[in-house]
Amino acid sequence: MSLLRNTLTQSSLTMSSRILGFVRDILIAAKIGAGSVGDAFVTALILPNLFRRIFAEGAFAQAFVPAYARTLEAEGKEAAEEVARQTMRGLFAVTAGLVIVAELTMPWLMRAFHGGYPPESESFQLAILLTRITMPYLACMALAALLSGVLNSAGRFVLSAGAPTLLNIFLITAALMGDSAPQTAVYASWAVVFAGVAQAALLWWGVTRQKVSLSLGVPRLTPAVKKIIALAIPGTIAASGTQINIMVSQLLASFEEGAKSWLFYADRLYQLPLGIVGVAVGVAILPRLARAARAENTGGTHRLMDDGIGLAMALTVPAAIALMVAPAYLVEGLYARGAFTLYDAGQSGQALVHYGWGVPAFVLIKVLAPGFFAREDTKTPMRFALMTVALNTVLGAGLFFWFKAQGWDGFPGLAIATSVAAWVNATMLFIGLRARGWYRPGRRLISRLVSVTLASLAMGGALIFLLNNPQLLQDNIAYGKFVEVLTFIAVGAAVYGVAAILFGAVRPSDLKGFRRRGAS
C-alpha cells in the first residue's frame, strides 16, 4: 500500500470515529454541562484520555513498530511473535499494577488531579468514584496499543484505526440512558471501561486472523524485550508531550470552576485535525521511514518527510485558521444545548482560539517525531518533550494566576501555554533532525507551504465575511444552529479547495508522485 493510501485509510476511519465523537460530546455536554459535575467527569477522563492518546493514537506504536519490524525482517516471524508476546505481557503487568495502585490511593491522587475542589465537596467525592470506575481502561489500552502495532507492521490499518469507534458507541449509549447529570456521568464512566475491553478484544481477533500467536502470562525480560522497553519508555514520553501538557492544564484548571469542562470541549474541537491528520500521517509514515533508514536511503527519507509535512499542513493550516477566526461560533453551534449554555460556549471559545494557532505545531510533532523513532532514537525527542512539559507547566501556572490577579479568566492562559510549548517542541524536533542530517526540507515543500498559507488566508477571509454577514446563512438554513455551523464549515472547505488549486497548494501531479514514492 502507498503512504497516501495508508494515510487516507487511517484518516477516513479516524474521521468516522471523530464524527461519532462529536455526537457523543454533544450528548454528554447537553446532559452533564460544564459545572462541578462536568468537572468531576472530565477529571475521571484525564488518565484514560492520556493513555488513549499515548497508546491508541500511535505514540506507543511509534516506539514499538520499528523494533518489531526489524526483528520480523532480520529473524523471522517466530522471533517477532515472541518479542511481541513478551512485550505485551510486560506492558499489561505494569499497567495493571498502576491501576491497582491508583485504585488504592485514589483520594490522595484526586488531591493532585482535582485539587481545586475541597475534599469534602460533592464534586471531589464524585471525581473519586468516577475515576475509580474508569481506571481499568488503562490496561485495556496497553493491550490495544501493542496489538495495533503488530497489525500496522503487517500493513493492516483498518482495525487499529476503527477500534476507537467502539468507545464512542458505548458512550453515546450511556449518555442516552442517563436521566440526570450525576447518573449520566456514572453510566459514561462504566461505558469507557466496557469500550476498552471491546477494543482490545477486536484487535486481538484481528491479530489472530493474521496468524500471529499471542497470549498473556508471566513476562520474560529477554534481551530483545529489554531493548524494546528501553526504546518504548522514552519514545512514549516523547510522542506524548502534547498530551501531558494538556493533562497539566487540566490539573491547574480545577482552581476555576467550570474551566476543566471549557478546556475539555475546546480540546475536543482542536483534536479533530490532530487526530485525523497528525496521527494518521505519523502512523502511516513510520514503517516506511524505518525501512528507508535501515536501507540508508537518505533521499527517500527526506522525500517521505517532505510528503508527510506537505500533506499534513495542507489539511491542518486551514483548520487552524477556522478555529482562530470563529472559535465561539463553532463551539456554540456544536455544543450549546441542554446543560451546556451559551455562556459555557463563549468560555470554551476563549480557549479554542489559542489552541487554534497551536494546531499546526501539534501536527508537526506527530510527523517529525517518527524521523527519530524510525532510527530507534527515542531519547532525543523525549528530552525535548520533557523540556516543553516543564515550559508548559511554568508558563501555564504563571499565566493562569497572573490572569486571575488581573481579574480575568485564568484558563485561557493554560491554552496559550500549551500552544507555545507545542511550537517549541516542533522547532526543537526540526532542528534536531536537520543537525543530524536526517532531514532537510526541499524547495518544493517550502513553495507548497507558502501556497497552503495563501489558500488558508483566502478561506479565512471568506469565513470572516460570513461572520460579518450572518443573514447569508441564517436566511437560508431552516434546521437550526447546528446545520448552520456545518454549512459554514462546508463553505470554508469549498473556498479552501478552490484556492488551494489556484495557488498551487494541491496539484494532481503531487498526489500521483506521492503514490509512486510511497510505493517505492
Protein backbone atom coordinates (compact mmCIF):
# COMPACT_ATOMS: atom_id res chain seq x y z
CA MET A 1 0.00 0.00 0.00
CA SER A 2 1.20 3.51 -0.67
CA LEU A 3 1.79 6.08 2.03
CA LEU A 4 -1.09 8.12 0.64
CA ARG A 5 -3.47 5.18 0.70
CA ASN A 6 -2.41 4.21 4.24
CA THR A 7 -2.90 7.80 5.36
CA LEU A 8 -6.30 8.05 3.69
CA THR A 9 -7.39 4.74 5.23
CA GLN A 10 -6.28 5.89 8.66
CA SER A 11 -7.82 9.33 8.16
CA SER A 12 -11.18 8.14 6.84
CA LEU A 13 -11.68 5.71 9.70
CA THR A 14 -10.49 8.28 12.21
CA MET A 15 -12.89 10.79 10.64
CA SER A 16 -15.77 8.35 11.14
CA SER A 17 -14.75 7.91 14.75
CA ARG A 18 -14.45 11.67 15.24
CA ILE A 19 -17.91 12.28 13.79
CA LEU A 20 -19.33 9.79 16.26
CA GLY A 21 -17.18 11.50 18.87
CA PHE A 22 -18.91 14.80 18.17
CA VAL A 23 -22.30 13.13 18.59
CA ARG A 24 -21.02 11.71 21.87
CA ASP A 25 -19.70 15.08 23.07
CA ILE A 26 -22.91 16.88 22.11
CA LEU A 27 -24.99 14.42 24.13
CA ILE A 28 -22.67 14.42 27.14
CA ALA A 29 -22.36 18.23 27.14
CA ALA A 30 -26.15 18.55 27.00
CA LYS A 31 -26.65 16.05 29.84
CA ILE A 32 -23.75 16.98 32.15
CA GLY A 33 -22.85 20.58 31.27
CA ALA A 34 -19.81 22.50 32.50
CA GLY A 35 -20.38 22.77 36.26
CA SER A 36 -18.97 20.83 39.18
CA VAL A 37 -20.36 17.51 37.91
CA GLY A 38 -18.87 18.19 34.48
CA ASP A 39 -15.50 18.97 36.06
CA ALA A 40 -15.63 15.70 38.03
CA PHE A 41 -16.40 13.72 34.89
CA VAL A 42 -13.60 15.43 32.96
CA THR A 43 -11.25 14.56 35.84
CA ALA A 44 -12.25 10.91 35.53
CA LEU A 45 -11.31 11.06 31.84
CA ILE A 46 -7.89 12.67 32.30
CA LEU A 47 -5.87 9.47 32.72
CA PRO A 48 -7.96 7.36 30.30
CA ASN A 49 -7.69 10.09 27.67
CA LEU A 50 -3.97 10.46 28.27
CA PHE A 51 -3.39 6.72 27.85
CA ARG A 52 -5.78 6.50 24.91
CA ARG A 53 -3.85 9.19 23.06
CA ILE A 54 -0.49 7.75 24.08
CA PHE A 55 -1.42 4.21 23.09
CA ALA A 56 -4.40 4.09 20.73
CA GLU A 57 -3.33 7.10 18.70
CA GLY A 58 0.13 5.84 17.91
CA ALA A 59 2.64 7.11 20.45
CA PHE A 60 3.48 3.65 21.78
CA ALA A 61 3.34 2.22 18.26
CA GLN A 62 5.92 4.79 17.16
CA ALA A 63 8.32 3.26 19.68
CA PHE A 64 7.31 -0.39 19.21
CA VAL A 65 6.81 -0.75 15.44
CA PRO A 66 10.43 -0.13 14.27
CA ALA A 67 11.84 -2.68 16.74
CA TYR A 68 9.17 -5.25 15.93
CA ALA A 69 9.58 -4.73 12.18
CA ARG A 70 13.36 -5.05 12.46
CA THR A 71 13.02 -8.36 14.32
CA LEU A 72 10.48 -9.60 11.77
CA GLU A 73 12.81 -8.85 8.85
CA ALA A 74 16.06 -9.97 10.49
CA GLU A 75 14.98 -13.03 12.49
CA GLY A 76 11.62 -14.08 11.08
CA LYS A 77 8.01 -14.32 12.18
CA GLU A 78 8.53 -16.68 15.11
CA ALA A 79 11.11 -14.44 16.77
CA ALA A 80 8.96 -11.37 16.18
CA GLU A 81 5.95 -13.12 17.72
CA GLU A 82 7.97 -13.97 20.82
CA VAL A 83 9.12 -10.36 21.13
CA ALA A 84 5.53 -9.12 20.79
CA ARG A 85 4.24 -11.74 23.22
CA GLN A 86 6.73 -10.93 25.98
CA THR A 87 6.40 -7.18 25.44
CA MET A 88 2.62 -7.43 25.70
CA ARG A 89 2.84 -9.45 28.89
CA GLY A 90 5.22 -6.97 30.47
CA LEU A 91 3.18 -3.97 29.35
CA PHE A 92 -0.05 -5.46 30.69
CA ALA A 93 1.57 -6.37 34.01
CA VAL A 94 2.91 -2.84 34.50
CA THR A 95 -0.33 -1.08 33.59
CA ALA A 96 -2.42 -3.50 35.68
CA GLY A 97 -0.13 -2.71 38.61
CA LEU A 98 -0.60 1.02 38.02
CA VAL A 99 -4.37 0.54 38.02
CA ILE A 100 -4.27 -1.29 41.36
CA VAL A 101 -2.06 1.36 42.97
CA ALA A 102 -4.27 4.15 41.63
CA GLU A 103 -7.44 2.48 42.91
CA LEU A 104 -5.95 2.16 46.41
CA THR A 105 -4.62 5.72 46.53
CA MET A 106 -7.46 7.48 44.68
CA PRO A 107 -8.39 10.00 47.44
CA TRP A 108 -4.80 11.23 47.54
CA LEU A 109 -4.48 11.10 43.75
CA MET A 110 -7.53 13.36 43.42
CA ARG A 111 -5.80 16.00 45.54
CA ALA A 112 -3.48 16.43 42.58
CA PHE A 113 -5.98 15.91 39.76
CA HIS A 114 -8.96 17.72 41.30
CA GLY A 115 -7.24 19.82 43.94
CA GLY A 116 -9.18 22.99 43.21
CA TYR A 117 -12.22 21.46 44.92
CA PRO A 118 -12.28 20.83 48.70
CA PRO A 119 -12.07 17.12 49.65
CA GLU A 120 -15.48 17.29 51.36
CA SER A 121 -17.22 18.69 48.26
CA GLU A 122 -19.61 16.59 46.19
CA SER A 123 -17.51 17.21 43.07
CA PHE A 124 -14.36 15.86 44.76
CA GLN A 125 -16.12 12.72 46.01
CA LEU A 126 -17.77 12.18 42.63
CA ALA A 127 -14.38 12.51 40.92
CA ILE A 128 -13.02 9.75 43.18
CA LEU A 129 -15.91 7.44 42.28
CA LEU A 130 -15.79 8.11 38.54
CA THR A 131 -12.01 7.81 38.26
CA ARG A 132 -12.05 4.51 40.14
CA ILE A 133 -14.52 3.24 37.55
CA THR A 134 -12.51 4.40 34.52
CA MET A 135 -9.01 3.37 35.66
CA PRO A 136 -9.07 -0.23 34.25
CA TYR A 137 -9.28 1.34 30.80
CA LEU A 138 -5.53 1.95 31.07
CA ALA A 139 -4.71 -1.77 30.97
CA CYS A 140 -7.08 -2.28 28.05
CA MET A 141 -5.32 0.46 26.09
CA ALA A 142 -1.94 -1.12 26.78
CA LEU A 143 -3.13 -4.33 25.12
CA ALA A 144 -4.74 -2.42 22.27
CA ALA A 145 -1.52 -0.47 21.70
CA LEU A 146 0.65 -3.49 21.14
CA LEU A 147 -1.96 -5.32 19.06
CA SER A 148 -2.32 -2.23 16.85
CA GLY A 149 1.45 -2.09 16.44
CA VAL A 150 1.51 -5.70 15.22
CA LEU A 151 -1.30 -5.01 12.74
CA ASN A 152 0.31 -1.79 11.49
CA SER A 153 3.62 -3.59 10.94
CA ALA A 154 1.74 -6.01 8.70
CA GLY A 155 0.28 -3.08 6.75
CA ARG A 156 -3.17 -3.60 8.30
CA PHE A 157 -4.53 -0.24 9.41
CA VAL A 158 -8.30 -0.76 9.29
CA LEU A 159 -8.92 -2.34 12.69
CA SER A 160 -6.44 -0.18 14.60
CA ALA A 161 -7.98 2.97 13.12
CA GLY A 162 -11.56 1.77 13.51
CA ALA A 163 -11.40 0.34 17.04
CA PRO A 164 -11.80 3.75 18.79
CA THR A 165 -15.27 3.95 17.23
CA LEU A 166 -16.38 1.45 19.87
CA LEU A 167 -15.65 3.96 22.63
CA ASN A 168 -17.95 6.48 21.00
CA ILE A 169 -20.73 3.94 20.52
CA PHE A 170 -20.62 2.88 24.17
CA LEU A 171 -20.52 6.49 25.41
CA ILE A 172 -23.41 7.56 23.17
CA THR A 173 -25.48 4.70 24.56
CA ALA A 174 -24.59 5.70 28.12
CA ALA A 175 -25.48 9.35 27.51
CA LEU A 176 -28.87 8.38 26.10
CA MET A 177 -29.59 6.22 29.17
CA GLY A 178 -28.77 8.87 31.79
CA ASP A 179 -31.60 10.89 33.35
CA SER A 180 -29.52 13.35 35.39
CA ALA A 181 -26.01 14.81 35.27
CA PRO A 182 -24.54 12.58 38.03
CA GLN A 183 -26.25 9.46 36.67
CA THR A 184 -25.05 10.18 33.13
CA ALA A 185 -21.51 10.66 34.45
CA VAL A 186 -21.59 7.27 36.20
CA TYR A 187 -23.03 5.48 33.17
CA ALA A 188 -20.48 7.12 30.87
CA SER A 189 -17.61 6.11 33.15
CA TRP A 190 -18.68 2.46 33.02
CA ALA A 191 -19.04 2.78 29.24
CA VAL A 192 -15.36 3.77 29.00
CA VAL A 193 -14.30 0.50 30.65
CA PHE A 194 -16.62 -1.70 28.59
CA ALA A 195 -15.38 0.02 25.42
CA GLY A 196 -11.76 -0.65 26.38
CA VAL A 197 -12.44 -4.36 26.77
CA ALA A 198 -14.27 -4.41 23.42
CA GLN A 199 -11.43 -2.59 21.64
CA ALA A 200 -8.79 -4.98 22.96
CA ALA A 201 -10.93 -7.99 22.02
CA LEU A 202 -11.50 -6.71 18.48
CA LEU A 203 -7.79 -6.07 17.89
CA TRP A 204 -6.85 -9.45 19.35
CA TRP A 205 -9.23 -11.05 16.86
CA GLY A 206 -7.55 -9.08 14.06
CA VAL A 207 -4.08 -10.22 15.11
CA THR A 208 -5.28 -13.83 15.27
CA ARG A 209 -6.56 -13.56 11.70
CA GLN A 210 -3.03 -12.54 10.68
CA LYS A 211 -1.82 -15.90 12.04
CA VAL A 212 0.11 -14.21 14.85
CA SER A 213 0.04 -16.16 18.11
CA LEU A 214 -0.02 -14.01 21.25
CA SER A 215 -1.03 -14.76 24.83
CA LEU A 216 -0.98 -13.27 28.30
CA GLY A 217 1.11 -14.75 31.08
CA VAL A 218 4.20 -14.15 33.19
CA PRO A 219 6.59 -11.93 31.19
CA ARG A 220 10.21 -12.83 30.49
CA LEU A 221 12.67 -9.99 30.08
CA THR A 222 14.64 -11.28 27.11
CA PRO A 223 17.40 -9.08 25.63
CA ALA A 224 15.13 -8.14 22.72
CA VAL A 225 12.30 -7.17 25.07
CA LYS A 226 14.66 -5.14 27.26
CA LYS A 227 15.78 -3.22 24.19
CA ILE A 228 12.18 -2.53 23.17
CA ILE A 229 11.32 -1.34 26.67
CA ALA A 230 14.41 0.89 26.71
CA LEU A 231 13.20 2.43 23.45
CA ALA A 232 9.48 2.42 24.25
CA ILE A 233 9.57 4.29 27.55
CA PRO A 234 11.38 7.41 26.30
CA GLY A 235 9.61 7.10 22.93
CA THR A 236 6.20 7.08 24.54
CA ILE A 237 7.09 10.10 26.66
CA ALA A 238 8.49 11.87 23.59
CA ALA A 239 5.40 11.26 21.48
CA SER A 240 3.09 12.25 24.31
CA GLY A 241 4.46 15.66 25.26
CA THR A 242 1.37 17.47 23.98
CA GLN A 243 -0.96 15.09 25.82
CA ILE A 244 0.99 15.51 29.06
CA ASN A 245 0.79 19.28 28.63
CA ILE A 246 -2.99 19.04 28.23
CA MET A 247 -3.17 16.98 31.42
CA VAL A 248 -1.12 19.58 33.30
CA SER A 249 -3.52 22.27 32.08
CA GLN A 250 -6.47 20.25 33.34
CA LEU A 251 -4.87 19.93 36.77
CA LEU A 252 -4.39 23.69 37.04
CA ALA A 253 -7.89 24.35 35.69
CA SER A 254 -9.52 22.74 38.74
CA PHE A 255 -8.88 26.01 40.60
CA GLU A 256 -11.55 27.70 38.45
CA GLU A 257 -15.00 26.08 38.49
CA GLY A 258 -16.11 25.06 35.01
CA ALA A 259 -12.68 25.63 33.47
CA LYS A 260 -11.93 21.93 33.15
CA SER A 261 -15.07 21.44 31.11
CA TRP A 262 -14.45 24.53 28.97
CA LEU A 263 -10.93 23.34 28.18
CA PHE A 264 -12.18 19.81 27.55
CA TYR A 265 -14.68 20.81 24.87
CA ALA A 266 -12.19 23.18 23.23
CA ASP A 267 -9.71 20.31 23.28
CA ARG A 268 -12.27 18.07 21.56
CA LEU A 269 -12.54 20.50 18.64
CA TYR A 270 -8.85 21.10 18.03
CA GLN A 271 -8.13 17.39 18.44
CA LEU A 272 -10.13 16.81 15.24
CA PRO A 273 -7.36 17.91 12.84
CA LEU A 274 -4.71 16.49 15.18
CA GLY A 275 -6.36 13.08 15.32
CA ILE A 276 -7.39 12.86 11.69
CA VAL A 277 -4.26 14.32 10.09
CA GLY A 278 -1.34 14.29 12.50
CA VAL A 279 -1.84 10.84 13.94
CA ALA A 280 -2.82 9.32 10.60
CA VAL A 281 0.24 10.66 8.76
CA GLY A 282 2.53 9.78 11.67
CA VAL A 283 1.28 6.18 11.89
CA ALA A 284 1.34 5.67 8.12
CA ILE A 285 4.80 7.17 7.59
CA LEU A 286 6.67 5.42 10.42
CA PRO A 287 7.08 1.91 8.92
CA ARG A 288 8.30 3.39 5.60
CA LEU A 289 10.73 5.71 7.33
CA ALA A 290 12.08 2.79 9.34
CA ARG A 291 12.68 0.73 6.18
CA ALA A 292 14.29 3.67 4.35
CA ALA A 293 16.52 4.43 7.34
CA ARG A 294 17.68 0.79 7.62
CA ALA A 295 18.48 0.85 3.90
CA GLU A 296 20.39 4.14 4.42
CA ASN A 297 18.19 5.69 1.74
CA THR A 298 18.73 9.32 2.76
CA GLY A 299 16.96 10.76 -0.26
CA GLY A 300 13.98 8.51 0.35
CA THR A 301 13.63 9.54 3.99
CA HIS A 302 13.83 13.23 3.07
CA ARG A 303 11.14 12.82 0.41
CA LEU A 304 8.89 10.89 2.79
CA MET A 305 9.23 13.63 5.41
CA ASP A 306 8.51 16.30 2.79
CA ASP A 307 5.43 14.43 1.64
CA GLY A 308 4.20 13.87 5.18
CA ILE A 309 4.68 17.50 6.22
CA GLY A 310 3.20 18.82 2.98
CA LEU A 311 0.09 16.67 3.25
CA ALA A 312 -0.32 17.37 6.97
CA MET A 313 -0.02 21.14 6.60
CA ALA A 314 -2.32 21.23 3.56
CA LEU A 315 -5.05 19.75 5.76
CA THR A 316 -4.13 21.38 9.07
CA VAL A 317 -3.39 25.05 8.39
CA PRO A 318 -6.91 25.80 7.08
CA ALA A 319 -8.37 24.06 10.14
CA ALA A 320 -6.20 26.24 12.39
CA ILE A 321 -7.37 29.40 10.60
CA ALA A 322 -11.01 28.37 11.04
CA LEU A 323 -10.53 27.71 14.76
CA MET A 324 -8.93 31.13 15.22
CA VAL A 325 -11.48 33.02 13.12
CA ALA A 326 -14.67 31.58 14.62
CA PRO A 327 -13.96 29.81 17.95
CA ALA A 328 -17.07 30.79 19.93
CA TYR A 329 -19.30 30.43 16.85
CA LEU A 330 -18.13 26.84 16.34
CA VAL A 331 -18.47 25.84 20.00
CA GLU A 332 -21.91 27.45 20.25
CA GLY A 333 -23.22 25.70 17.15
CA LEU A 334 -21.85 22.30 18.07
CA TYR A 335 -22.31 22.13 21.84
CA ALA A 336 -24.63 24.85 23.18
CA ARG A 337 -27.76 22.96 24.18
CA GLY A 338 -29.22 21.48 27.34
CA ALA A 339 -26.93 21.89 30.35
CA PHE A 340 -24.15 23.41 28.20
CA THR A 341 -25.13 27.09 27.99
CA LEU A 342 -24.23 29.93 25.62
CA TYR A 343 -22.00 31.29 28.39
CA ASP A 344 -20.16 27.97 28.51
CA ALA A 345 -19.74 28.10 24.72
CA GLY A 346 -18.21 31.57 24.91
CA GLN A 347 -15.83 30.49 27.65
CA SER A 348 -14.77 27.39 25.72
CA GLY A 349 -14.23 29.58 22.66
CA GLN A 350 -11.69 31.63 24.62
CA ALA A 351 -9.55 28.52 24.96
CA LEU A 352 -10.17 27.28 21.42
CA VAL A 353 -8.78 30.41 19.75
CA HIS A 354 -5.43 29.83 21.48
CA TYR A 355 -5.41 26.10 20.81
CA GLY A 356 -6.11 27.02 17.17
CA TRP A 357 -2.76 28.68 16.48
CA GLY A 358 -1.04 25.71 18.08
CA VAL A 359 -2.70 23.11 15.84
CA PRO A 360 -0.01 23.13 13.09
CA ALA A 361 2.64 22.57 15.77
CA PHE A 362 0.68 19.71 17.37
CA VAL A 363 0.51 18.01 13.97
CA LEU A 364 4.15 18.73 13.07
CA ILE A 365 5.23 16.95 16.26
CA LYS A 366 3.35 13.84 15.09
CA VAL A 367 5.10 13.98 11.70
CA LEU A 368 8.61 14.98 12.80
CA ALA A 369 8.96 12.62 15.78
CA PRO A 370 8.91 9.48 13.57
CA GLY A 371 12.11 10.80 11.98
CA PHE A 372 13.82 9.92 15.27
CA PHE A 373 11.76 6.84 16.11
CA ALA A 374 12.49 5.25 12.72
CA ARG A 375 16.19 5.29 13.67
CA GLU A 376 15.40 3.99 17.17
CA ASP A 377 16.47 7.30 18.72
CA THR A 378 13.77 7.86 21.32
CA LYS A 379 15.83 9.66 23.95
CA THR A 380 16.35 12.87 21.98
CA PRO A 381 12.65 13.59 21.39
CA MET A 382 11.97 12.50 24.98
CA ARG A 383 14.33 15.21 26.23
CA PHE A 384 12.58 17.75 24.01
CA ALA A 385 9.17 16.63 25.30
CA LEU A 386 10.21 16.85 28.95
CA MET A 387 11.65 20.33 28.38
CA THR A 388 8.39 21.50 26.85
CA VAL A 389 6.35 19.89 29.64
CA ALA A 390 8.39 21.93 32.12
CA LEU A 391 7.90 25.05 29.99
CA ASN A 392 4.15 24.42 29.75
CA THR A 393 3.82 23.87 33.50
CA VAL A 394 5.71 27.02 34.48
CA LEU A 395 4.19 29.22 31.77
CA GLY A 396 0.68 27.82 32.28
CA ALA A 397 0.73 28.31 36.04
CA GLY A 398 2.23 31.77 35.66
CA LEU A 399 -0.33 32.95 33.10
CA PHE A 400 -3.25 31.31 34.92
CA PHE A 401 -2.61 33.00 38.25
CA TRP A 402 -1.48 36.29 36.66
CA PHE A 403 -4.69 36.46 34.61
CA LYS A 404 -6.69 35.73 37.79
CA ALA A 405 -4.82 38.50 39.63
CA GLN A 406 -5.85 40.92 36.87
CA GLY A 407 -9.49 39.96 37.38
CA TRP A 408 -9.62 37.95 34.14
CA ASP A 409 -10.43 34.32 33.47
CA GLY A 410 -7.30 32.27 34.13
CA PHE A 411 -7.93 29.24 31.92
CA PRO A 412 -7.08 30.90 28.54
CA GLY A 413 -3.52 31.19 29.85
CA LEU A 414 -3.38 27.40 30.04
CA ALA A 415 -4.32 27.10 26.36
CA ILE A 416 -1.71 29.72 25.44
CA ALA A 417 0.98 27.81 27.33
CA THR A 418 0.05 24.51 25.66
CA SER A 419 0.36 26.03 22.17
CA VAL A 420 3.63 27.81 22.96
CA ALA A 421 5.08 24.55 24.28
CA ALA A 422 3.96 22.72 21.14
CA TRP A 423 5.71 25.21 18.84
CA VAL A 424 8.89 24.98 20.92
CA ASN A 425 8.73 21.17 20.75
CA ALA A 426 8.17 21.13 16.98
CA THR A 427 11.02 23.60 16.46
CA MET A 428 13.44 21.52 18.52
CA LEU A 429 12.46 18.34 16.64
CA PHE A 430 13.08 20.04 13.30
CA ILE A 431 16.43 21.48 14.38
CA GLY A 432 17.45 18.10 15.83
CA LEU A 433 16.65 16.23 12.61
CA ARG A 434 18.43 18.82 10.49
CA ALA A 435 21.53 18.88 12.72
CA ARG A 436 21.89 15.09 12.38
CA GLY A 437 21.45 15.19 8.62
CA TRP A 438 18.25 13.15 8.92
CA TYR A 439 16.02 15.71 7.30
CA ARG A 440 16.45 18.72 5.06
CA PRO A 441 13.26 20.17 3.55
CA GLY A 442 13.24 20.56 -0.21
CA ARG A 443 12.38 23.74 -2.09
CA ARG A 444 9.22 22.12 -3.37
CA LEU A 445 7.92 21.70 0.17
CA ILE A 446 8.68 25.32 1.07
CA SER A 447 6.85 26.50 -2.05
CA ARG A 448 3.91 24.29 -1.18
CA LEU A 449 3.72 25.62 2.37
CA VAL A 450 3.57 29.19 1.05
CA SER A 451 0.72 28.18 -1.26
CA VAL A 452 -1.10 26.42 1.59
CA THR A 453 -0.81 29.55 3.73
CA LEU A 454 -2.17 31.81 0.98
CA ALA A 455 -5.08 29.46 0.29
CA SER A 456 -5.85 29.23 4.01
CA LEU A 457 -5.84 33.02 4.37
CA ALA A 458 -8.26 33.27 1.45
CA MET A 459 -10.53 30.81 3.23
CA GLY A 460 -10.19 32.80 6.45
CA GLY A 461 -11.28 35.94 4.63
CA ALA A 462 -14.37 34.15 3.34
CA LEU A 463 -15.24 32.94 6.85
CA ILE A 464 -14.84 36.43 8.31
CA PHE A 465 -17.17 37.73 5.58
CA LEU A 466 -19.79 35.14 6.58
CA LEU A 467 -19.44 36.02 10.27
CA ASN A 468 -19.95 39.71 9.47
CA ASN A 469 -22.98 38.89 7.30
CA PRO A 470 -24.80 36.22 9.33
CA GLN A 471 -28.02 36.66 7.40
CA LEU A 472 -26.43 34.91 4.42
CA LEU A 473 -26.58 31.65 6.35
CA GLN A 474 -29.43 32.32 8.74
CA ASP A 475 -31.85 33.27 5.97
CA ASN A 476 -31.13 30.08 4.07
CA ILE A 477 -30.83 27.47 6.81
CA ALA A 478 -34.08 26.13 8.20
CA TYR A 479 -32.72 23.45 10.53
CA GLY A 480 -31.10 25.40 13.33
CA LYS A 481 -27.67 26.48 14.51
CA PHE A 482 -26.03 23.08 14.17
CA VAL A 483 -26.77 22.82 10.45
CA GLU A 484 -25.80 26.48 10.06
CA VAL A 485 -22.37 25.75 11.51
CA LEU A 486 -21.95 22.66 9.32
CA THR A 487 -22.80 24.82 6.29
CA PHE A 488 -20.28 27.42 7.48
CA ILE A 489 -17.61 24.71 7.64
CA ALA A 490 -18.60 23.33 4.23
CA VAL A 491 -18.34 26.79 2.63
CA GLY A 492 -14.90 27.26 4.16
CA ALA A 493 -13.76 23.87 2.88
CA ALA A 494 -15.04 24.66 -0.62
CA VAL A 495 -13.30 28.04 -0.70
CA TYR A 496 -10.07 26.48 0.52
CA GLY A 497 -10.29 23.70 -2.06
CA VAL A 498 -10.63 26.18 -4.92
CA ALA A 499 -7.93 28.48 -3.51
CA ALA A 500 -5.57 25.55 -2.96
CA ILE A 501 -5.81 24.63 -6.64
CA LEU A 502 -5.44 28.24 -7.79
CA PHE A 503 -2.40 28.88 -5.58
CA GLY A 504 -0.86 25.51 -6.43
CA ALA A 505 -1.09 24.11 -2.91
CA VAL A 506 -2.58 20.91 -4.33
CA ARG A 507 -1.81 19.51 -7.77
CA PRO A 508 -2.92 16.19 -9.28
CA SER A 509 0.73 15.52 -10.13
CA ASP A 510 1.63 15.87 -6.44
CA LEU A 511 -0.77 13.10 -5.48
CA LYS A 512 0.43 10.82 -8.29
CA GLY A 513 4.04 11.38 -7.30
CA PHE A 514 3.15 10.85 -3.67
CA ARG A 515 1.67 7.44 -4.52
CA ARG A 516 4.71 6.45 -6.58
CA ARG A 517 7.15 7.46 -3.84
CA GLY A 518 5.06 5.75 -1.20
CA ALA A 519 5.09 2.54 -3.22
CA SER A 520 8.85 2.62 -3.74
